[in-house]
């Protein structure tokens, strides 16, 4: 599966936001 850089950045942003909400 090929993932574009923008997609990777979006996933990282979502993960960071989820972590912030959990904390």
Foldseek 3Di string as FASTA:
>chain_A
DDDDPVRVVVVVVVVVVVVVVVD
